[in-house]
Amino acid sequence: MPETPAVELQAPDIARWKEGGSGTDWVHVFDSGVPGPNVMVQALTHGNEICGAIALDWLLALGFRPQRGRLTLAFANVAAYARFDPADPFPSRCIDEDYNRVWADADLDGPRDTLELRRARQLRPFVDAAELLLDIHSMSEPCRPLMVCGKVDKNAAYARQLGMPADLLIDTGHPAGLRMIDRGGYGDPAAPQRALLIECGQHWERAAAEVAIDCLVRFLGLTGVADAAWVQLHARLPLPPQQRLVRVTQAVVAQSADFRFLVPPVGFGVVPRAGTPIAQDGAQVWTAPCDDTVLVMPGTRNLKPGGTAVRLGRFEGA
C-alpha cells in the first residue's frame, strides 16, 4: 500500500454555514434580482476532498453576491466531512456509498435508503434547476489538475472558454452509477445546460486549494455572476498557455481483489505502444488500445471489485 500523502491543508470549520436561507442545510442561494443564469457550485461531493470546502468557505466569508442571475453554493456530503481525520484521511470519502454515483432517477426515486441518497434527494431540486454547474473535487494520487467534462463535447467547449486547467477530459462515465454532471440536461448534447467537474490535484496538497479557488473565481466570471474586475482581483493562478483534451476510450474496472497494474499507475502517464499490457485481474489482461495511451486517474487505494481502476484515453490536439 502506498504511503499516505502529507495533509498540507486544514479542513475549515463550516458550522457557521449550516443555515443558508434556502430551506436545506449547508445550501446557500443568492438571487441578484437581475436577469441572468442559474448557477450552482458544489463542494464536498466526497468528504475528504477538502479543497472545495476551503474555496466555498473563502467565498462565503468574502460576502460575495452575484451581480446578475442566481447563485447556489452547496456543501454536499457534510456527514462524511465531519468524520475527516488528518491522521487517517481516506475513510471519510463517504458514509454508505459514493454520493457521485446516485444521480439516476432510478436511484433517487427508488426504495434504497443510504445517507448519500438522502442528501442527493435533498439537493436534487437545486441541481435540476441550475443551468451552469461546477463540482469541485480532488484526487487520491498526485496528478496535475484535470477538468472532467462528462461525456459530451459541449462541456469541453465550455471548459475551453474557462481557459483552465491545461488538461480536459471527456470520458465514458462510471459503470457503478450516474454522476451529477451527467444528469439530465448536463449530459444531453442538445440541451443548453453545462456542467464541469474540476479535479484540483491530490486531495491535501497545498496547491489544490489554490486551484479550487482560482477555478471558482474564473467560473463565476465566465457565467456572468461576477464581473471582470472582481475576477482579475481574486484569480490566483495564471492561465495555461494551451489546453489539451483527453478522450477516454475505455474504463478498466476491477473484477476481483487480485487486480494489479503492470505499468506504473501514474496519473497522465503515457504508454507509448498499442498492445502493451497495462493491468491484470486473474486471466483478464488489459492492454493499451492505441499508441500513446493516457492513464487517467489510476486508483490503487481501497480498490474494490466493480470499481474503476483507471480510464484509458488519447490526447486530441491542443
C-alpha atoms as a PDB file:
ATOM      1  CA  MET A   1       0.000   0.000   0.000  1.00  0.00           C
ATOM      2  CA  PRO A   2       1.429   3.431  -0.917  1.00  0.00           C
ATOM      3  CA  GLU A   3       2.222   5.878   1.860  1.00  0.00           C
ATOM      4  CA  THR A   4      -0.495   8.308   2.844  1.00  0.00           C
ATOM      5  CA  PRO A   5       0.312  11.703   1.304  1.00  0.00           C
ATOM      6  CA  ALA A   6       1.051  14.598   3.638  1.00  0.00           C
ATOM      7  CA  VAL A   7      -2.004  16.588   4.721  1.00  0.00           C
ATOM      8  CA  GLU A   8      -0.925  20.156   3.988  1.00  0.00           C
ATOM      9  CA  LEU A   9      -4.420  21.674   4.100  1.00  0.00           C
ATOM     10  CA  GLN A  10      -6.573  22.358   7.139  1.00  0.00           C
ATOM     11  CA  ALA A  11     -10.234  21.451   6.834  1.00  0.00           C
ATOM     12  CA  PRO A  12     -12.272  24.576   7.591  1.00  0.00           C
ATOM     13  CA  ASP A  13     -14.992  24.638  10.231  1.00  0.00           C
ATOM     14  CA  ILE A  14     -18.123  25.077   8.119  1.00  0.00           C
ATOM     15  CA  ALA A  15     -20.596  25.008  11.009  1.00  0.00           C
ATOM     16  CA  ARG A  16     -21.304  28.715  10.528  1.00  0.00           C
ATOM     17  CA  TRP A  17     -22.581  27.995   7.010  1.00  0.00           C
ATOM     18  CA  LYS A  18     -25.238  25.448   8.002  1.00  0.00           C
ATOM     19  CA  GLU A  19     -28.086  27.943   7.735  1.00  0.00           C
ATOM     20  CA  GLY A  20     -28.100  29.337   4.217  1.00  0.00           C
ATOM     21  CA  GLY A  21     -31.658  30.574   3.903  1.00  0.00           C
ATOM     22  CA  SER A  22     -32.513  28.006   1.246  1.00  0.00           C
ATOM     23  CA  GLY A  23     -34.524  25.668   3.457  1.00  0.00           C
ATOM     24  CA  THR A  24     -31.816  22.990   3.090  1.00  0.00           C
ATOM     25  CA  ASP A  25     -28.863  22.796   5.462  1.00  0.00           C
ATOM     26  CA  TRP A  26     -25.494  23.884   4.076  1.00  0.00           C
ATOM     27  CA  VAL A  27     -27.057  25.235   0.870  1.00  0.00           C
ATOM     28  CA  HIS A  28     -26.873  28.987   0.210  1.00  0.00           C
ATOM     29  CA  VAL A  29     -28.910  30.660  -2.524  1.00  0.00           C
ATOM     30  CA  PHE A  30     -28.297  34.259  -3.607  1.00  0.00           C
ATOM     31  CA  ASP A  31     -30.628  35.906  -6.102  1.00  0.00           C
ATOM     32  CA  SER A  32     -29.364  39.151  -7.628  1.00  0.00           C
ATOM     33  CA  GLY A  33     -32.810  40.230  -8.783  1.00  0.00           C
ATOM     34  CA  VAL A  34     -31.267  40.908 -12.192  1.00  0.00           C
ATOM     35  CA  PRO A  35     -31.950  38.561 -15.129  1.00  0.00           C
ATOM     36  CA  GLY A  36     -29.165  36.046 -15.645  1.00  0.00           C
ATOM     37  CA  PRO A  37     -28.229  32.384 -15.401  1.00  0.00           C
ATOM     38  CA  ASN A  38     -28.998  29.981 -12.577  1.00  0.00           C
ATOM     39  CA  VAL A  39     -25.529  28.883 -11.417  1.00  0.00           C
ATOM     40  CA  MET A  40     -24.575  26.200  -8.881  1.00  0.00           C
ATOM     41  CA  VAL A  41     -21.241  25.335  -7.266  1.00  0.00           C
ATOM     42  CA  GLN A  42     -20.884  22.221  -5.135  1.00  0.00           C
ATOM     43  CA  ALA A  43     -18.094  21.201  -2.767  1.00  0.00           C
ATOM     44  CA  LEU A  44     -17.637  18.075  -0.632  1.00  0.00           C
ATOM     45  CA  THR A  45     -19.098  15.596  -3.072  1.00  0.00           C
ATOM     46  CA  HIS A  46     -16.643  13.421  -1.168  1.00  0.00           C
ATOM     47  CA  GLY A  47     -15.957  14.161   2.482  1.00  0.00           C
ATOM     48  CA  ASN A  48     -12.169  14.054   2.306  1.00  0.00           C
ATOM     49  CA  GLU A  49     -11.870  16.372  -0.722  1.00  0.00           C
ATOM     50  CA  ILE A  50     -11.443  19.471   1.387  1.00  0.00           C
ATOM     51  CA  CYS A  51     -10.142  21.948  -1.207  1.00  0.00           C
ATOM     52  CA  GLY A  52     -13.712  22.624  -2.354  1.00  0.00           C
ATOM     53  CA  ALA A  53     -14.797  23.349   1.222  1.00  0.00           C
ATOM     54  CA  ILE A  54     -11.896  25.786   1.501  1.00  0.00           C
ATOM     55  CA  ALA A  55     -13.000  27.531  -1.700  1.00  0.00           C
ATOM     56  CA  LEU A  56     -16.658  27.912  -0.675  1.00  0.00           C
ATOM     57  CA  ASP A  57     -15.689  28.923   2.855  1.00  0.00           C
ATOM     58  CA  TRP A  58     -13.468  31.632   1.327  1.00  0.00           C
ATOM     59  CA  LEU A  59     -16.211  32.886  -0.995  1.00  0.00           C
ATOM     60  CA  LEU A  60     -18.896  32.993   1.690  1.00  0.00           C
ATOM     61  CA  ALA A  61     -16.570  34.739   4.155  1.00  0.00           C
ATOM     62  CA  LEU A  62     -15.848  37.310   1.449  1.00  0.00           C
ATOM     63  CA  GLY A  63     -19.559  38.120   1.350  1.00  0.00           C
ATOM     64  CA  PHE A  64     -19.747  37.619  -2.417  1.00  0.00           C
ATOM     65  CA  ARG A  65     -23.082  38.275  -4.092  1.00  0.00           C
ATOM     66  CA  PRO A  66     -23.922  37.724  -7.770  1.00  0.00           C
ATOM     67  CA  GLN A  67     -24.175  40.798  -9.992  1.00  0.00           C
ATOM     68  CA  ARG A  68     -26.834  39.066 -12.047  1.00  0.00           C
ATOM     69  CA  GLY A  69     -28.698  35.765 -12.086  1.00  0.00           C
ATOM     70  CA  ARG A  70     -28.925  33.347  -9.188  1.00  0.00           C
ATOM     71  CA  LEU A  71     -26.084  31.553  -7.388  1.00  0.00           C
ATOM     72  CA  THR A  72     -26.372  28.374  -5.294  1.00  0.00           C
ATOM     73  CA  LEU A  73     -23.442  27.235  -3.132  1.00  0.00           C
ATOM     74  CA  ALA A  74     -23.742  23.757  -1.638  1.00  0.00           C
ATOM     75  CA  PHE A  75     -21.664  21.712   0.770  1.00  0.00           C
ATOM     76  CA  ALA A  76     -22.752  18.203  -0.194  1.00  0.00           C
ATOM     77  CA  ASN A  77     -21.637  15.222   1.906  1.00  0.00           C
ATOM     78  CA  VAL A  78     -21.237  17.108   5.172  1.00  0.00           C
ATOM     79  CA  ALA A  79     -21.744  13.950   7.239  1.00  0.00           C
ATOM     80  CA  ALA A  80     -18.694  12.329   5.659  1.00  0.00           C
ATOM     81  CA  TYR A  81     -16.723  15.567   6.003  1.00  0.00           C
ATOM     82  CA  ALA A  82     -17.472  15.619   9.736  1.00  0.00           C
ATOM     83  CA  ARG A  83     -15.506  12.368  10.001  1.00  0.00           C
ATOM     84  CA  PHE A  84     -12.399  13.768   8.285  1.00  0.00           C
ATOM     85  CA  ASP A  85      -9.306  12.907  10.328  1.00  0.00           C
ATOM     86  CA  PRO A  86      -5.925  14.219   9.103  1.00  0.00           C
ATOM     87  CA  ALA A  87      -4.270  11.230  10.793  1.00  0.00           C
ATOM     88  CA  ASP A  88      -6.378   8.803   8.709  1.00  0.00           C
ATOM     89  CA  PRO A  89      -7.823  10.897   5.869  1.00  0.00           C
ATOM     90  CA  PHE A  90      -9.015   8.356   3.310  1.00  0.00           C
ATOM     91  CA  PRO A  91     -12.013   6.692   5.070  1.00  0.00           C
ATOM     92  CA  SER A  92     -14.086   9.903   5.201  1.00  0.00           C
ATOM     93  CA  ARG A  93     -14.707   9.839   1.451  1.00  0.00           C
ATOM     94  CA  CYS A  94     -18.295   8.674   2.070  1.00  0.00           C
ATOM     95  CA  ILE A  95     -20.554   7.096   4.683  1.00  0.00           C
ATOM     96  CA  ASP A  96     -22.616   4.387   2.937  1.00  0.00           C
ATOM     97  CA  GLU A  97     -21.795   4.788  -0.754  1.00  0.00           C
ATOM     98  CA  ASP A  98     -20.364   7.181  -3.317  1.00  0.00           C
ATOM     99  CA  TYR A  99     -22.539  10.293  -3.416  1.00  0.00           C
ATOM    100  CA  ASN A 100     -21.421  10.844  -7.016  1.00  0.00           C
ATOM    101  CA  ARG A 101     -22.885   7.577  -8.312  1.00  0.00           C
ATOM    102  CA  VAL A 102     -26.529   8.001  -7.255  1.00  0.00           C
ATOM    103  CA  TRP A 103     -27.830  10.632  -9.684  1.00  0.00           C
ATOM    104  CA  ALA A 104     -30.009   8.434 -11.920  1.00  0.00           C
ATOM    105  CA  ASP A 105     -33.755   8.817 -11.341  1.00  0.00           C
ATOM    106  CA  ALA A 106     -33.945   5.073 -10.742  1.00  0.00           C
ATOM    107  CA  ASP A 107     -31.714   5.549  -7.684  1.00  0.00           C
ATOM    108  CA  LEU A 108     -33.158   8.838  -6.459  1.00  0.00           C
ATOM    109  CA  ASP A 109     -36.752   7.615  -6.815  1.00  0.00           C
ATOM    110  CA  GLY A 110     -36.054   4.022  -5.811  1.00  0.00           C
ATOM    111  CA  PRO A 111     -36.534   2.238  -2.485  1.00  0.00           C
ATOM    112  CA  ARG A 112     -32.919   2.207  -1.314  1.00  0.00           C
ATOM    113  CA  ASP A 113     -32.050   4.367   1.686  1.00  0.00           C
ATOM    114  CA  THR A 114     -28.480   5.499   2.358  1.00  0.00           C
ATOM    115  CA  LEU A 115     -27.117   8.693   3.802  1.00  0.00           C
ATOM    116  CA  GLU A 116     -25.733   9.712   0.416  1.00  0.00           C
ATOM    117  CA  LEU A 117     -29.046   9.046  -1.324  1.00  0.00           C
ATOM    118  CA  ARG A 118     -30.870  11.114   1.272  1.00  0.00           C
ATOM    119  CA  ARG A 119     -28.502  14.016   0.718  1.00  0.00           C
ATOM    120  CA  ALA A 120     -28.760  13.749  -3.070  1.00  0.00           C
ATOM    121  CA  ARG A 121     -32.547  13.775  -2.796  1.00  0.00           C
ATOM    122  CA  GLN A 122     -32.297  16.989  -0.775  1.00  0.00           C
ATOM    123  CA  LEU A 123     -30.035  18.639  -3.339  1.00  0.00           C
ATOM    124  CA  ARG A 124     -31.802  17.357  -6.467  1.00  0.00           C
ATOM    125  CA  PRO A 125     -34.094  20.424  -6.816  1.00  0.00           C
ATOM    126  CA  PHE A 126     -31.079  22.740  -6.827  1.00  0.00           C
ATOM    127  CA  VAL A 127     -29.110  20.569  -9.267  1.00  0.00           C
ATOM    128  CA  ASP A 128     -32.039  20.229 -11.643  1.00  0.00           C
ATOM    129  CA  ALA A 129     -32.836  23.961 -11.549  1.00  0.00           C
ATOM    130  CA  ALA A 130     -29.272  25.077 -12.336  1.00  0.00           C
ATOM    131  CA  GLU A 131     -28.174  25.883 -15.871  1.00  0.00           C
ATOM    132  CA  LEU A 132     -24.428  26.057 -15.196  1.00  0.00           C
ATOM    133  CA  LEU A 133     -22.785  23.740 -12.678  1.00  0.00           C
ATOM    134  CA  LEU A 134     -19.303  23.420 -11.152  1.00  0.00           C
ATOM    135  CA  ASP A 135     -18.443  20.425  -8.952  1.00  0.00           C
ATOM    136  CA  ILE A 136     -15.133  20.804  -7.070  1.00  0.00           C
ATOM    137  CA  HIS A 137     -13.111  17.624  -6.464  1.00  0.00           C
ATOM    138  CA  SER A 138      -9.581  16.402  -5.835  1.00  0.00           C
ATOM    139  CA  MET A 139      -7.700  13.135  -6.417  1.00  0.00           C
ATOM    140  CA  SER A 140      -6.305  10.419  -4.164  1.00  0.00           C
ATOM    141  CA  GLU A 141      -2.973  10.215  -6.007  1.00  0.00           C
ATOM    142  CA  PRO A 142      -0.640  13.024  -7.102  1.00  0.00           C
ATOM    143  CA  CYS A 143      -1.724  14.305 -10.512  1.00  0.00           C
ATOM    144  CA  ARG A 144      -1.859  17.666 -12.222  1.00  0.00           C
ATOM    145  CA  PRO A 145      -5.281  19.368 -12.263  1.00  0.00           C
ATOM    146  CA  LEU A 146      -7.875  17.978 -14.633  1.00  0.00           C
ATOM    147  CA  MET A 147     -11.276  19.184 -15.827  1.00  0.00           C
ATOM    148  CA  VAL A 148     -13.746  16.332 -16.209  1.00  0.00           C
ATOM    149  CA  CYS A 149     -16.245  17.415 -18.877  1.00  0.00           C
ATOM    150  CA  GLY A 150     -18.565  14.445 -18.584  1.00  0.00           C
ATOM    151  CA  LYS A 151     -19.413  12.522 -21.724  1.00  0.00           C
ATOM    152  CA  VAL A 152     -20.321  15.395 -24.054  1.00  0.00           C
ATOM    153  CA  ASP A 153     -18.248  17.799 -26.119  1.00  0.00           C
ATOM    154  CA  LYS A 154     -20.340  20.854 -25.178  1.00  0.00           C
ATOM    155  CA  ASN A 155     -18.853  20.769 -21.670  1.00  0.00           C
ATOM    156  CA  ALA A 156     -15.319  20.599 -23.052  1.00  0.00           C
ATOM    157  CA  ALA A 157     -16.094  23.637 -25.192  1.00  0.00           C
ATOM    158  CA  TYR A 158     -17.251  25.436 -22.046  1.00  0.00           C
ATOM    159  CA  ALA A 159     -14.023  24.453 -20.264  1.00  0.00           C
ATOM    160  CA  ARG A 160     -12.075  25.972 -23.156  1.00  0.00           C
ATOM    161  CA  GLN A 161     -13.958  29.221 -22.556  1.00  0.00           C
ATOM    162  CA  LEU A 162     -12.963  28.977 -18.896  1.00  0.00           C
ATOM    163  CA  GLY A 163      -9.334  28.631 -20.018  1.00  0.00           C
ATOM    164  CA  MET A 164      -8.156  26.287 -17.281  1.00  0.00           C
ATOM    165  CA  PRO A 165      -6.791  23.823 -16.348  1.00  0.00           C
ATOM    166  CA  ALA A 166      -4.407  22.633 -19.060  1.00  0.00           C
ATOM    167  CA  ASP A 167      -5.928  19.138 -19.303  1.00  0.00           C
ATOM    168  CA  LEU A 168      -9.569  18.428 -20.175  1.00  0.00           C
ATOM    169  CA  LEU A 169     -11.264  15.039 -20.142  1.00  0.00           C
ATOM    170  CA  ILE A 170     -14.243  13.555 -21.932  1.00  0.00           C
ATOM    171  CA  ASP A 171     -14.923  10.097 -20.573  1.00  0.00           C
ATOM    172  CA  THR A 172     -17.427   7.275 -20.634  1.00  0.00           C
ATOM    173  CA  GLY A 173     -18.997   7.779 -17.216  1.00  0.00           C
ATOM    174  CA  HIS A 174     -18.895   5.204 -14.421  1.00  0.00           C
ATOM    175  CA  PRO A 175     -20.471   1.734 -14.536  1.00  0.00           C
ATOM    176  CA  ALA A 176     -21.169   1.985 -10.790  1.00  0.00           C
ATOM    177  CA  GLY A 177     -23.710   4.769 -11.249  1.00  0.00           C
ATOM    178  CA  LEU A 178     -24.578   8.168 -12.726  1.00  0.00           C
ATOM    179  CA  ARG A 179     -22.549  11.233 -11.744  1.00  0.00           C
ATOM    180  CA  MET A 180     -24.160  14.579 -11.050  1.00  0.00           C
ATOM    181  CA  ILE A 181     -22.510  16.186 -14.112  1.00  0.00           C
ATOM    182  CA  ASP A 182     -24.099  13.542 -16.364  1.00  0.00           C
ATOM    183  CA  ARG A 183     -27.619  14.012 -15.004  1.00  0.00           C
ATOM    184  CA  GLY A 184     -30.451  15.309 -17.177  1.00  0.00           C
ATOM    185  CA  GLY A 185     -29.622  18.210 -19.434  1.00  0.00           C
ATOM    186  CA  TYR A 186     -25.974  18.268 -18.361  1.00  0.00           C
ATOM    187  CA  GLY A 187     -25.409  15.000 -20.192  1.00  0.00           C
ATOM    188  CA  ASP A 188     -27.637  15.797 -23.182  1.00  0.00           C
ATOM    189  CA  PRO A 189     -25.599  17.129 -26.125  1.00  0.00           C
ATOM    190  CA  ALA A 190     -28.596  19.151 -27.375  1.00  0.00           C
ATOM    191  CA  ALA A 191     -29.557  20.747 -24.033  1.00  0.00           C
ATOM    192  CA  PRO A 192     -28.331  24.219 -23.034  1.00  0.00           C
ATOM    193  CA  GLN A 193     -27.073  23.214 -19.562  1.00  0.00           C
ATOM    194  CA  ARG A 194     -23.326  22.973 -18.957  1.00  0.00           C
ATOM    195  CA  ALA A 195     -21.501  21.110 -16.163  1.00  0.00           C
ATOM    196  CA  LEU A 196     -17.831  20.905 -15.209  1.00  0.00           C
ATOM    197  CA  LEU A 197     -16.036  18.818 -12.596  1.00  0.00           C
ATOM    198  CA  ILE A 198     -12.619  20.137 -11.584  1.00  0.00           C
ATOM    199  CA  GLU A 199     -10.074  17.723 -10.107  1.00  0.00           C
ATOM    200  CA  CYS A 200      -7.760  20.168  -8.344  1.00  0.00           C
ATOM    201  CA  GLY A 201      -4.806  17.849  -7.683  1.00  0.00           C
ATOM    202  CA  GLN A 202      -4.009  15.497  -4.818  1.00  0.00           C
ATOM    203  CA  HIS A 203      -6.575  15.813  -2.024  1.00  0.00           C
ATOM    204  CA  TRP A 204      -4.463  17.521   0.608  1.00  0.00           C
ATOM    205  CA  GLU A 205      -1.635  19.245  -1.222  1.00  0.00           C
ATOM    206  CA  ARG A 206      -1.491  22.984  -0.648  1.00  0.00           C
ATOM    207  CA  ALA A 207      -1.732  23.704  -4.357  1.00  0.00           C
ATOM    208  CA  ALA A 208      -5.179  22.037  -4.578  1.00  0.00           C
ATOM    209  CA  ALA A 209      -6.800  24.845  -2.592  1.00  0.00           C
ATOM    210  CA  GLU A 210      -5.248  27.452  -4.883  1.00  0.00           C
ATOM    211  CA  VAL A 211      -6.585  25.612  -7.934  1.00  0.00           C
ATOM    212  CA  ALA A 212     -10.046  25.284  -6.351  1.00  0.00           C
ATOM    213  CA  ILE A 213     -10.314  28.996  -5.565  1.00  0.00           C
ATOM    214  CA  ASP A 214      -8.894  30.031  -8.940  1.00  0.00           C
ATOM    215  CA  CYS A 215     -11.354  27.782 -10.787  1.00  0.00           C
ATOM    216  CA  LEU A 216     -14.254  29.034  -8.670  1.00  0.00           C
ATOM    217  CA  VAL A 217     -13.351  32.674  -9.362  1.00  0.00           C
ATOM    218  CA  ARG A 218     -12.966  32.146 -13.099  1.00  0.00           C
ATOM    219  CA  PHE A 219     -16.175  30.083 -13.289  1.00  0.00           C
ATOM    220  CA  LEU A 220     -18.165  32.845 -11.611  1.00  0.00           C
ATOM    221  CA  GLY A 221     -16.726  35.270 -14.141  1.00  0.00           C
ATOM    222  CA  LEU A 222     -17.487  33.028 -17.112  1.00  0.00           C
ATOM    223  CA  THR A 223     -21.093  32.569 -16.039  1.00  0.00           C
ATOM    224  CA  GLY A 224     -21.505  36.321 -15.643  1.00  0.00           C
ATOM    225  CA  VAL A 225     -22.457  36.294 -11.957  1.00  0.00           C
ATOM    226  CA  ALA A 226     -19.133  38.055 -11.249  1.00  0.00           C
ATOM    227  CA  ASP A 227     -17.664  40.933 -13.249  1.00  0.00           C
ATOM    228  CA  ALA A 228     -14.248  41.006 -14.909  1.00  0.00           C
ATOM    229  CA  ALA A 229     -12.731  43.370 -12.350  1.00  0.00           C
ATOM    230  CA  TRP A 230     -13.678  41.035  -9.471  1.00  0.00           C
ATOM    231  CA  VAL A 231     -12.184  38.065 -11.321  1.00  0.00           C
ATOM    232  CA  GLN A 232      -8.955  39.944 -12.021  1.00  0.00           C
ATOM    233  CA  LEU A 233      -8.686  40.900  -8.348  1.00  0.00           C
ATOM    234  CA  HIS A 234      -9.240  37.395  -6.974  1.00  0.00           C
ATOM    235  CA  ALA A 235      -7.806  34.966  -9.555  1.00  0.00           C
ATOM    236  CA  ARG A 236      -4.908  33.052  -8.008  1.00  0.00           C
ATOM    237  CA  LEU A 237      -3.079  31.394 -10.898  1.00  0.00           C
ATOM    238  CA  PRO A 238      -2.032  32.248 -14.464  1.00  0.00           C
ATOM    239  CA  LEU A 239      -3.949  30.577 -17.259  1.00  0.00           C
ATOM    240  CA  PRO A 240      -2.103  27.764 -19.046  1.00  0.00           C
ATOM    241  CA  PRO A 241      -0.731  28.628 -22.493  1.00  0.00           C
ATOM    242  CA  GLN A 242      -2.863  25.901 -24.054  1.00  0.00           C
ATOM    243  CA  GLN A 243      -5.359  23.185 -23.163  1.00  0.00           C
ATOM    244  CA  ARG A 244      -5.326  19.561 -24.279  1.00  0.00           C
ATOM    245  CA  LEU A 245      -8.277  17.217 -24.455  1.00  0.00           C
ATOM    246  CA  VAL A 246      -8.027  13.590 -23.389  1.00  0.00           C
ATOM    247  CA  ARG A 247     -10.834  11.422 -24.736  1.00  0.00           C
ATOM    248  CA  VAL A 248     -11.360   8.216 -22.789  1.00  0.00           C
ATOM    249  CA  THR A 249     -11.836   5.151 -24.951  1.00  0.00           C
ATOM    250  CA  GLN A 250     -12.108   2.511 -22.234  1.00  0.00           C
ATOM    251  CA  ALA A 251     -12.692   2.209 -18.490  1.00  0.00           C
ATOM    252  CA  VAL A 252     -10.782  -0.559 -16.724  1.00  0.00           C
ATOM    253  CA  VAL A 253     -12.983  -1.975 -13.961  1.00  0.00           C
ATOM    254  CA  ALA A 254     -11.602  -4.297 -11.288  1.00  0.00           C
ATOM    255  CA  GLN A 255     -13.342  -7.671 -11.228  1.00  0.00           C
ATOM    256  CA  SER A 256     -11.685  -9.078  -8.106  1.00  0.00           C
ATOM    257  CA  ALA A 257      -9.324  -8.271  -5.258  1.00  0.00           C
ATOM    258  CA  ASP A 258      -6.487  -9.705  -7.375  1.00  0.00           C
ATOM    259  CA  PHE A 259      -6.436  -6.699  -9.722  1.00  0.00           C
ATOM    260  CA  ARG A 260      -2.938  -5.280 -10.261  1.00  0.00           C
ATOM    261  CA  PHE A 261      -1.235  -2.810 -12.559  1.00  0.00           C
ATOM    262  CA  LEU A 262       1.507  -3.980 -14.911  1.00  0.00           C
ATOM    263  CA  VAL A 263       2.768  -0.425 -15.570  1.00  0.00           C
ATOM    264  CA  PRO A 264       3.401   2.360 -13.045  1.00  0.00           C
ATOM    265  CA  PRO A 265      -0.058   3.761 -12.120  1.00  0.00           C
ATOM    266  CA  VAL A 266       0.867   7.414 -12.600  1.00  0.00           C
ATOM    267  CA  GLY A 267      -1.805   9.965 -13.481  1.00  0.00           C
ATOM    268  CA  PHE A 268      -1.360  11.143 -17.089  1.00  0.00           C
ATOM    269  CA  GLY A 269       1.323   8.555 -17.586  1.00  0.00           C
ATOM    270  CA  VAL A 270       1.624   7.635 -21.260  1.00  0.00           C
ATOM    271  CA  VAL A 271       2.022   4.071 -22.547  1.00  0.00           C
ATOM    272  CA  PRO A 272       3.861   4.517 -25.864  1.00  0.00           C
ATOM    273  CA  ARG A 273       2.864   1.385 -27.769  1.00  0.00           C
ATOM    274  CA  ALA A 274      -0.530  -0.144 -28.505  1.00  0.00           C
ATOM    275  CA  GLY A 275      -0.880  -3.658 -27.117  1.00  0.00           C
ATOM    276  CA  THR A 276       1.315  -3.077 -24.076  1.00  0.00           C
ATOM    277  CA  PRO A 277      -0.155  -4.916 -21.059  1.00  0.00           C
ATOM    278  CA  ILE A 278      -1.447  -2.353 -18.555  1.00  0.00           C
ATOM    279  CA  ALA A 279      -3.271  -4.342 -15.871  1.00  0.00           C
ATOM    280  CA  GLN A 280      -4.233  -7.893 -14.964  1.00  0.00           C
ATOM    281  CA  ASP A 281      -7.090  -9.378 -12.971  1.00  0.00           C
ATOM    282  CA  GLY A 282      -6.858 -13.170 -12.929  1.00  0.00           C
ATOM    283  CA  ALA A 283      -6.919 -14.315 -16.549  1.00  0.00           C
ATOM    284  CA  GLN A 284      -8.109 -10.902 -17.773  1.00  0.00           C
ATOM    285  CA  VAL A 285      -5.359  -8.657 -19.153  1.00  0.00           C
ATOM    286  CA  TRP A 286      -5.967  -5.089 -20.314  1.00  0.00           C
ATOM    287  CA  THR A 287      -3.686  -3.691 -22.966  1.00  0.00           C
ATOM    288  CA  ALA A 288      -3.075  -0.221 -24.375  1.00  0.00           C
ATOM    289  CA  PRO A 289      -5.723   0.353 -27.076  1.00  0.00           C
ATOM    290  CA  CYS A 290      -3.564   2.796 -29.062  1.00  0.00           C
ATOM    291  CA  ASP A 291      -0.109   4.298 -29.252  1.00  0.00           C
ATOM    292  CA  ASP A 292       0.440   6.918 -26.545  1.00  0.00           C
ATOM    293  CA  THR A 293      -2.401   5.657 -24.397  1.00  0.00           C
ATOM    294  CA  VAL A 294      -3.005   8.036 -21.463  1.00  0.00           C
ATOM    295  CA  LEU A 295      -3.611   6.677 -17.956  1.00  0.00           C
ATOM    296  CA  VAL A 296      -6.381   8.817 -16.452  1.00  0.00           C
ATOM    297  CA  MET A 297      -6.721   8.899 -12.661  1.00  0.00           C
ATOM    298  CA  PRO A 298      -5.417   5.407 -11.833  1.00  0.00           C
ATOM    299  CA  GLY A 299      -6.523   4.263  -8.397  1.00  0.00           C
ATOM    300  CA  THR A 300      -4.564   1.918  -6.153  1.00  0.00           C
ATOM    301  CA  ARG A 301      -6.130   2.640  -2.756  1.00  0.00           C
ATOM    302  CA  ASN A 302      -9.164   0.763  -1.469  1.00  0.00           C
ATOM    303  CA  LEU A 303      -9.956  -0.504  -4.962  1.00  0.00           C
ATOM    304  CA  LYS A 304     -12.837  -2.947  -4.772  1.00  0.00           C
ATOM    305  CA  PRO A 305     -14.459  -5.246  -7.344  1.00  0.00           C
ATOM    306  CA  GLY A 306     -16.709  -3.142  -9.551  1.00  0.00           C
ATOM    307  CA  GLY A 307     -14.599  -0.028  -9.034  1.00  0.00           C
ATOM    308  CA  THR A 308     -12.921   1.839 -11.880  1.00  0.00           C
ATOM    309  CA  ALA A 309      -9.181   1.228 -11.596  1.00  0.00           C
ATOM    310  CA  VAL A 310      -8.119   3.519 -14.436  1.00  0.00           C
ATOM    311  CA  ARG A 311      -9.505   5.085 -17.583  1.00  0.00           C
ATOM    312  CA  LEU A 312      -7.578   4.777 -20.831  1.00  0.00           C
ATOM    313  CA  GLY A 313      -7.605   7.640 -23.295  1.00  0.00           C
ATOM    314  CA  ARG A 314      -5.801   9.523 -26.021  1.00  0.00           C
ATOM    315  CA  PHE A 315      -4.804  13.156 -26.481  1.00  0.00           C
ATOM    316  CA  GLU A 316      -6.734  15.107 -29.100  1.00  0.00           C
ATOM    317  CA  GLY A 317      -4.690  18.124 -30.159  1.00  0.00           C
ATOM    318  CA  ALA A 318      -4.283  21.468 -28.432  1.00  0.00           C
END
